[in-house]
Amino acid sequence: MFSDNLKRYRLNQNLSKAEFARKLNLKYTTYDNYERGTGEPKLNKLIEIANLLNISIDDLLGRTTNTLGAKDTDLLKIKIVDIFKHSNDKYFSISSINSGYITFTIKDDTNKLTDVEFRTKNFIALIEMVENHHAKKIKEDIYDLASKIILQDAIVNTKRDIDKIKNDNLNTNKDKDIIEKSTLIYQLYKIDKKIQKQIDDTKEDK
């Protein structure tokens, strides 16, 4: 059961409910409802919880999945490419995929910006949850959610890189490296806004 698993994995990290709620930017009562079984997180928050606890969504939900074989990952790659192509995407491509991780390359027009690793199991869970809860616009909904999560991960990772640079006393190019990383964050936010506008425009057309 999700609520029991959530509590168990949180305790494994030696975190109180209040501490974990703060990490998730949630009100204590909202998080408390998750563990009581009287509330459920949205998918993007579920993925954030799994990432913070360093587990897969399958672990969190108590589902058992087999290790993906080469044929499975090939089929998954085809499905992801189809989803992104269907949404006329021009910002993401898959640079590698295996049973553990999918590596997405984020680009702006023709320039590569950065790579982001996404747990393969989490992406499969994302697809399954959208397919189970939405009767229409499945590909669009998967793309909308996946693009946001990939960009969010890239921004968080880049902010962590900036913190590491600031704390690296042996780095003689701190200022230059920080400017480069800050520029990357700005570019990622620009892509996020473009995608959000695309999503909003699509909704207005319907």
C-alpha atoms as a PDB file:
ATOM      1  CA  MET A   1       0.000   0.000   0.000  1.00  0.00           C
ATOM      2  CA  PHE A   2       1.321   3.437  -0.991  1.00  0.00           C
ATOM      3  CA  SER A   3       0.834   5.111   2.408  1.00  0.00           C
ATOM      4  CA  ASP A   4       2.662   2.315   4.274  1.00  0.00           C
ATOM      5  CA  ASN A   5       5.517   2.222   1.752  1.00  0.00           C
ATOM      6  CA  LEU A   6       5.875   6.000   1.869  1.00  0.00           C
ATOM      7  CA  LYS A   7       6.217   5.956   5.649  1.00  0.00           C
ATOM      8  CA  ARG A   8       8.685   3.058   5.596  1.00  0.00           C
ATOM      9  CA  TYR A   9      10.985   4.606   2.976  1.00  0.00           C
ATOM     10  CA  ARG A  10      10.813   8.006   4.709  1.00  0.00           C
ATOM     11  CA  LEU A  11      11.872   6.438   8.006  1.00  0.00           C
ATOM     12  CA  ASN A  12      14.703   4.635   6.188  1.00  0.00           C
ATOM     13  CA  GLN A  13      16.037   8.099   5.321  1.00  0.00           C
ATOM     14  CA  ASN A  14      15.747   9.177   8.996  1.00  0.00           C
ATOM     15  CA  LEU A  15      13.373  12.006   8.087  1.00  0.00           C
ATOM     16  CA  SER A  16      10.429  13.219  10.121  1.00  0.00           C
ATOM     17  CA  LYS A  17       7.135  13.937   8.389  1.00  0.00           C
ATOM     18  CA  ALA A  18       7.682  17.652   8.857  1.00  0.00           C
ATOM     19  CA  GLU A  19      11.197  17.511   7.364  1.00  0.00           C
ATOM     20  CA  PHE A  20      10.069  15.535   4.347  1.00  0.00           C
ATOM     21  CA  ALA A  21       7.063  17.815   3.796  1.00  0.00           C
ATOM     22  CA  ARG A  22       9.452  20.794   3.668  1.00  0.00           C
ATOM     23  CA  LYS A  23      11.674  19.038   1.130  1.00  0.00           C
ATOM     24  CA  LEU A  24       8.594  18.518  -1.046  1.00  0.00           C
ATOM     25  CA  ASN A  25       7.373  22.112  -0.539  1.00  0.00           C
ATOM     26  CA  LEU A  26       4.139  20.745   0.895  1.00  0.00           C
ATOM     27  CA  LYS A  27       2.035  21.754   3.865  1.00  0.00           C
ATOM     28  CA  TYR A  28       2.443  19.306   6.740  1.00  0.00           C
ATOM     29  CA  THR A  29      -1.260  18.404   6.637  1.00  0.00           C
ATOM     30  CA  THR A  30      -1.087  17.621   2.915  1.00  0.00           C
ATOM     31  CA  TYR A  31       1.847  15.267   3.394  1.00  0.00           C
ATOM     32  CA  ASP A  32       0.304  13.756   6.532  1.00  0.00           C
ATOM     33  CA  ASN A  33      -2.755  12.841   4.462  1.00  0.00           C
ATOM     34  CA  TYR A  34      -0.507  10.848   2.105  1.00  0.00           C
ATOM     35  CA  GLU A  35       0.743   8.681   4.957  1.00  0.00           C
ATOM     36  CA  ARG A  36      -2.726   8.359   6.479  1.00  0.00           C
ATOM     37  CA  GLY A  37      -4.111   7.170   3.144  1.00  0.00           C
ATOM     38  CA  THR A  38      -6.636  10.002   2.967  1.00  0.00           C
ATOM     39  CA  GLY A  39      -4.880  11.847   0.133  1.00  0.00           C
ATOM     40  CA  GLU A  40      -2.833  11.014  -2.953  1.00  0.00           C
ATOM     41  CA  PRO A  41      -0.091  13.031  -4.671  1.00  0.00           C
ATOM     42  CA  LYS A  42      -0.306  14.041  -8.296  1.00  0.00           C
ATOM     43  CA  LEU A  43       2.023  12.226 -10.676  1.00  0.00           C
ATOM     44  CA  ASN A  44       4.713  14.905 -10.802  1.00  0.00           C
ATOM     45  CA  LYS A  45       4.805  15.000  -6.989  1.00  0.00           C
ATOM     46  CA  LEU A  46       4.894  11.192  -6.875  1.00  0.00           C
ATOM     47  CA  ILE A  47       7.975  11.209  -9.091  1.00  0.00           C
ATOM     48  CA  GLU A  48       9.577  13.877  -6.899  1.00  0.00           C
ATOM     49  CA  ILE A  49       8.921  11.748  -3.803  1.00  0.00           C
ATOM     50  CA  ALA A  50      10.501   8.689  -5.442  1.00  0.00           C
ATOM     51  CA  ASN A  51      13.560  10.685  -6.510  1.00  0.00           C
ATOM     52  CA  LEU A  52      14.065  12.177  -3.044  1.00  0.00           C
ATOM     53  CA  LEU A  53      13.800   8.738  -1.453  1.00  0.00           C
ATOM     54  CA  ASN A  54      16.106   7.294  -4.140  1.00  0.00           C
ATOM     55  CA  ILE A  55      13.637   4.573  -5.095  1.00  0.00           C
ATOM     56  CA  SER A  56      11.496   3.804  -8.119  1.00  0.00           C
ATOM     57  CA  ILE A  57       7.801   4.598  -8.369  1.00  0.00           C
ATOM     58  CA  ASP A  58       7.209   0.842  -8.541  1.00  0.00           C
ATOM     59  CA  ASP A  59       8.898   0.469  -5.135  1.00  0.00           C
ATOM     60  CA  LEU A  60       6.801   3.305  -3.744  1.00  0.00           C
ATOM     61  CA  LEU A  61       3.558   1.842  -5.053  1.00  0.00           C
ATOM     62  CA  GLY A  62       4.532  -1.689  -4.071  1.00  0.00           C
ATOM     63  CA  ARG A  63       4.561  -2.997  -7.625  1.00  0.00           C
ATOM     64  CA  THR A  64       7.028  -5.649  -8.771  1.00  0.00           C
ATOM     65  CA  THR A  65       8.454  -5.320 -12.277  1.00  0.00           C
ATOM     66  CA  ASN A  66      10.878  -7.491 -14.167  1.00  0.00           C
ATOM     67  CA  THR A  67      14.153  -6.174 -15.508  1.00  0.00           C
ATOM     68  CA  LEU A  68      13.727  -4.857 -19.024  1.00  0.00           C
ATOM     69  CA  GLY A  69      15.449  -6.734 -21.809  1.00  0.00           C
ATOM     70  CA  ALA A  70      16.933  -5.236 -24.965  1.00  0.00           C
ATOM     71  CA  LYS A  71      13.716  -5.835 -26.918  1.00  0.00           C
ATOM     72  CA  ASP A  72      11.666  -4.094 -24.214  1.00  0.00           C
ATOM     73  CA  THR A  73      13.882  -1.008 -24.199  1.00  0.00           C
ATOM     74  CA  ASP A  74      13.770  -0.846 -28.018  1.00  0.00           C
ATOM     75  CA  LEU A  75       9.963  -0.894 -27.915  1.00  0.00           C
ATOM     76  CA  LEU A  76       9.926   1.731 -25.170  1.00  0.00           C
ATOM     77  CA  LYS A  77      12.241   3.968 -27.199  1.00  0.00           C
ATOM     78  CA  ILE A  78       9.940   3.686 -30.217  1.00  0.00           C
ATOM     79  CA  LYS A  79       6.967   4.599 -28.021  1.00  0.00           C
ATOM     80  CA  ILE A  80       8.715   7.630 -26.508  1.00  0.00           C
ATOM     81  CA  VAL A  81       9.902   8.865 -29.917  1.00  0.00           C
ATOM     82  CA  ASP A  82       6.338   8.498 -31.209  1.00  0.00           C
ATOM     83  CA  ILE A  83       4.950  10.477 -28.245  1.00  0.00           C
ATOM     84  CA  PHE A  84       7.428  13.321 -28.726  1.00  0.00           C
ATOM     85  CA  LYS A  85       6.997  13.336 -32.504  1.00  0.00           C
ATOM     86  CA  HIS A  86       3.202  13.413 -32.102  1.00  0.00           C
ATOM     87  CA  SER A  87       3.565  16.591 -30.015  1.00  0.00           C
ATOM     88  CA  ASN A  88       5.839  18.251 -32.636  1.00  0.00           C
ATOM     89  CA  ASP A  89       8.650  18.389 -30.099  1.00  0.00           C
ATOM     90  CA  LYS A  90      11.928  20.050 -31.042  1.00  0.00           C
ATOM     91  CA  TYR A  91      13.610  20.213 -27.637  1.00  0.00           C
ATOM     92  CA  PHE A  92      14.270  16.606 -26.585  1.00  0.00           C
ATOM     93  CA  SER A  93      15.949  13.526 -28.002  1.00  0.00           C
ATOM     94  CA  ILE A  94      16.988  10.174 -26.524  1.00  0.00           C
ATOM     95  CA  SER A  95      20.761   9.757 -26.448  1.00  0.00           C
ATOM     96  CA  SER A  96      20.676   6.387 -24.665  1.00  0.00           C
ATOM     97  CA  ILE A  97      18.226   3.987 -23.057  1.00  0.00           C
ATOM     98  CA  ASN A  98      18.625   0.803 -21.007  1.00  0.00           C
ATOM     99  CA  SER A  99      16.822  -1.015 -18.199  1.00  0.00           C
ATOM    100  CA  GLY A 100      18.120   1.480 -15.632  1.00  0.00           C
ATOM    101  CA  TYR A 101      18.022   4.928 -17.179  1.00  0.00           C
ATOM    102  CA  ILE A 102      16.907   6.941 -20.181  1.00  0.00           C
ATOM    103  CA  THR A 103      19.231   9.819 -21.048  1.00  0.00           C
ATOM    104  CA  PHE A 104      17.467  12.741 -22.713  1.00  0.00           C
ATOM    105  CA  THR A 105      19.372  15.460 -24.542  1.00  0.00           C
ATOM    106  CA  ILE A 106      17.804  18.912 -24.228  1.00  0.00           C
ATOM    107  CA  LYS A 107      18.437  21.307 -27.100  1.00  0.00           C
ATOM    108  CA  ASP A 108      17.363  24.800 -28.088  1.00  0.00           C
ATOM    109  CA  ASP A 109      16.887  24.929 -31.851  1.00  0.00           C
ATOM    110  CA  THR A 110      20.084  23.197 -33.053  1.00  0.00           C
ATOM    111  CA  ASN A 111      22.275  23.735 -29.972  1.00  0.00           C
ATOM    112  CA  LYS A 112      22.683  21.019 -27.356  1.00  0.00           C
ATOM    113  CA  LEU A 113      22.209  22.409 -23.846  1.00  0.00           C
ATOM    114  CA  THR A 114      22.536  19.453 -21.462  1.00  0.00           C
ATOM    115  CA  ASP A 115      21.729  15.793 -20.801  1.00  0.00           C
ATOM    116  CA  VAL A 116      19.302  14.522 -18.148  1.00  0.00           C
ATOM    117  CA  GLU A 117      19.038  10.984 -16.791  1.00  0.00           C
ATOM    118  CA  PHE A 118      15.530   9.705 -16.118  1.00  0.00           C
ATOM    119  CA  ARG A 119      14.845   6.385 -14.434  1.00  0.00           C
ATOM    120  CA  THR A 120      13.401   3.995 -16.987  1.00  0.00           C
ATOM    121  CA  LYS A 121      10.972   2.492 -14.469  1.00  0.00           C
ATOM    122  CA  ASN A 122       9.702   5.966 -13.594  1.00  0.00           C
ATOM    123  CA  PHE A 123       9.055   6.813 -17.218  1.00  0.00           C
ATOM    124  CA  ILE A 124       7.184   3.545 -17.731  1.00  0.00           C
ATOM    125  CA  ALA A 125       5.133   4.308 -14.615  1.00  0.00           C
ATOM    126  CA  LEU A 126       4.400   7.793 -15.973  1.00  0.00           C
ATOM    127  CA  ILE A 127       3.094   6.335 -19.234  1.00  0.00           C
ATOM    128  CA  GLU A 128       1.020   3.695 -17.432  1.00  0.00           C
ATOM    129  CA  MET A 129      -0.555   6.171 -15.029  1.00  0.00           C
ATOM    130  CA  VAL A 130      -1.547   8.567 -17.810  1.00  0.00           C
ATOM    131  CA  GLU A 131      -2.952   5.706 -19.879  1.00  0.00           C
ATOM    132  CA  ASN A 132      -4.939   4.436 -16.888  1.00  0.00           C
ATOM    133  CA  HIS A 133      -6.433   7.815 -15.978  1.00  0.00           C
ATOM    134  CA  HIS A 134      -7.021   9.486 -19.324  1.00  0.00           C
ATOM    135  CA  ALA A 135      -9.297   8.266 -22.072  1.00  0.00           C
ATOM    136  CA  LYS A 136      -8.264  10.961 -24.575  1.00  0.00           C
ATOM    137  CA  LYS A 137      -5.146  12.907 -25.569  1.00  0.00           C
ATOM    138  CA  ILE A 138      -2.870  10.295 -23.986  1.00  0.00           C
ATOM    139  CA  LYS A 139       0.202  11.152 -26.054  1.00  0.00           C
ATOM    140  CA  GLU A 140      -0.234  14.877 -25.474  1.00  0.00           C
ATOM    141  CA  ASP A 141      -0.684  14.385 -21.737  1.00  0.00           C
ATOM    142  CA  ILE A 142       2.413  12.185 -21.477  1.00  0.00           C
ATOM    143  CA  TYR A 143       4.469  14.721 -23.413  1.00  0.00           C
ATOM    144  CA  ASP A 144       3.191  17.676 -21.382  1.00  0.00           C
ATOM    145  CA  LEU A 145       4.068  15.985 -18.099  1.00  0.00           C
ATOM    146  CA  ALA A 146       7.330  14.370 -19.219  1.00  0.00           C
ATOM    147  CA  SER A 147       8.708  17.577 -20.738  1.00  0.00           C
ATOM    148  CA  LYS A 148       8.043  19.475 -17.515  1.00  0.00           C
ATOM    149  CA  ILE A 149       9.697  16.807 -15.360  1.00  0.00           C
ATOM    150  CA  ILE A 150      12.761  16.494 -17.622  1.00  0.00           C
ATOM    151  CA  LEU A 151      13.279  20.266 -17.609  1.00  0.00           C
ATOM    152  CA  GLN A 152      12.725  20.450 -13.853  1.00  0.00           C
ATOM    153  CA  ASP A 153      15.369  17.760 -13.294  1.00  0.00           C
ATOM    154  CA  ALA A 154      17.802  19.605 -15.587  1.00  0.00           C
ATOM    155  CA  ILE A 155      17.290  22.871 -13.699  1.00  0.00           C
ATOM    156  CA  VAL A 156      17.696  21.198 -10.280  1.00  0.00           C
ATOM    157  CA  ASN A 157      20.859  19.385 -11.442  1.00  0.00           C
ATOM    158  CA  THR A 158      22.337  22.609 -12.803  1.00  0.00           C
ATOM    159  CA  LYS A 159      21.620  24.455  -9.541  1.00  0.00           C
ATOM    160  CA  ARG A 160      23.430  21.658  -7.690  1.00  0.00           C
ATOM    161  CA  ASP A 161      26.375  22.073 -10.071  1.00  0.00           C
ATOM    162  CA  ILE A 162      26.508  25.785  -9.220  1.00  0.00           C
ATOM    163  CA  ASP A 163      26.593  24.965  -5.497  1.00  0.00           C
ATOM    164  CA  LYS A 164      29.455  22.504  -6.095  1.00  0.00           C
ATOM    165  CA  ILE A 165      31.381  25.117  -8.077  1.00  0.00           C
ATOM    166  CA  LYS A 166      30.921  27.682  -5.294  1.00  0.00           C
ATOM    167  CA  ASN A 167      32.302  25.207  -2.740  1.00  0.00           C
ATOM    168  CA  ASP A 168      35.240  24.079  -4.918  1.00  0.00           C
ATOM    169  CA  ASN A 169      38.186  26.054  -3.591  1.00  0.00           C
ATOM    170  CA  LEU A 170      40.506  24.545  -6.225  1.00  0.00           C
ATOM    171  CA  ASN A 171      38.474  25.898  -9.142  1.00  0.00           C
ATOM    172  CA  THR A 172      40.240  28.927 -10.616  1.00  0.00           C
ATOM    173  CA  ASN A 173      37.428  29.606 -13.108  1.00  0.00           C
ATOM    174  CA  LYS A 174      34.555  29.847 -10.628  1.00  0.00           C
ATOM    175  CA  ASP A 175      33.022  33.025 -12.008  1.00  0.00           C
ATOM    176  CA  LYS A 176      33.116  31.808 -15.612  1.00  0.00           C
ATOM    177  CA  ASP A 177      31.688  28.382 -14.721  1.00  0.00           C
ATOM    178  CA  ILE A 178      28.900  29.919 -12.625  1.00  0.00           C
ATOM    179  CA  ILE A 179      27.956  32.287 -15.465  1.00  0.00           C
ATOM    180  CA  GLU A 180      27.821  29.351 -17.916  1.00  0.00           C
ATOM    181  CA  LYS A 181      25.594  27.318 -15.590  1.00  0.00           C
ATOM    182  CA  SER A 182      23.358  30.311 -14.848  1.00  0.00           C
ATOM    183  CA  THR A 183      22.969  30.908 -18.590  1.00  0.00           C
ATOM    184  CA  LEU A 184      21.984  27.260 -18.994  1.00  0.00           C
ATOM    185  CA  ILE A 185      19.279  27.638 -16.326  1.00  0.00           C
ATOM    186  CA  TYR A 186      17.944  30.719 -18.135  1.00  0.00           C
ATOM    187  CA  GLN A 187      17.814  28.776 -21.424  1.00  0.00           C
ATOM    188  CA  LEU A 188      16.007  25.868 -19.755  1.00  0.00           C
ATOM    189  CA  TYR A 189      13.411  28.227 -18.272  1.00  0.00           C
ATOM    190  CA  LYS A 190      12.907  29.738 -21.745  1.00  0.00           C
ATOM    191  CA  ILE A 191      12.182  26.292 -23.191  1.00  0.00           C
ATOM    192  CA  ASP A 192       9.811  25.566 -20.304  1.00  0.00           C
ATOM    193  CA  LYS A 193       7.876  28.771 -21.065  1.00  0.00           C
ATOM    194  CA  LYS A 194       7.715  27.937 -24.777  1.00  0.00           C
ATOM    195  CA  ILE A 195       6.334  24.474 -24.060  1.00  0.00           C
ATOM    196  CA  GLN A 196       3.813  25.883 -21.567  1.00  0.00           C
ATOM    197  CA  LYS A 197       2.647  28.386 -24.190  1.00  0.00           C
ATOM    198  CA  GLN A 198       2.309  25.551 -26.680  1.00  0.00           C
ATOM    199  CA  ILE A 199       0.217  23.592 -24.161  1.00  0.00           C
ATOM    200  CA  ASP A 200      -1.973  26.636 -23.399  1.00  0.00           C
ATOM    201  CA  ASP A 201      -2.462  27.414 -27.109  1.00  0.00           C
ATOM    202  CA  THR A 202      -3.498  23.809 -27.777  1.00  0.00           C
ATOM    203  CA  LYS A 203      -6.083  23.972 -24.984  1.00  0.00           C
ATOM    204  CA  GLU A 204      -7.511  27.227 -26.369  1.00  0.00           C
ATOM    205  CA  ASP A 205      -7.896  25.684 -29.824  1.00  0.00           C
ATOM    206  CA  LYS A 206     -10.098  22.902 -28.430  1.00  0.00           C
END
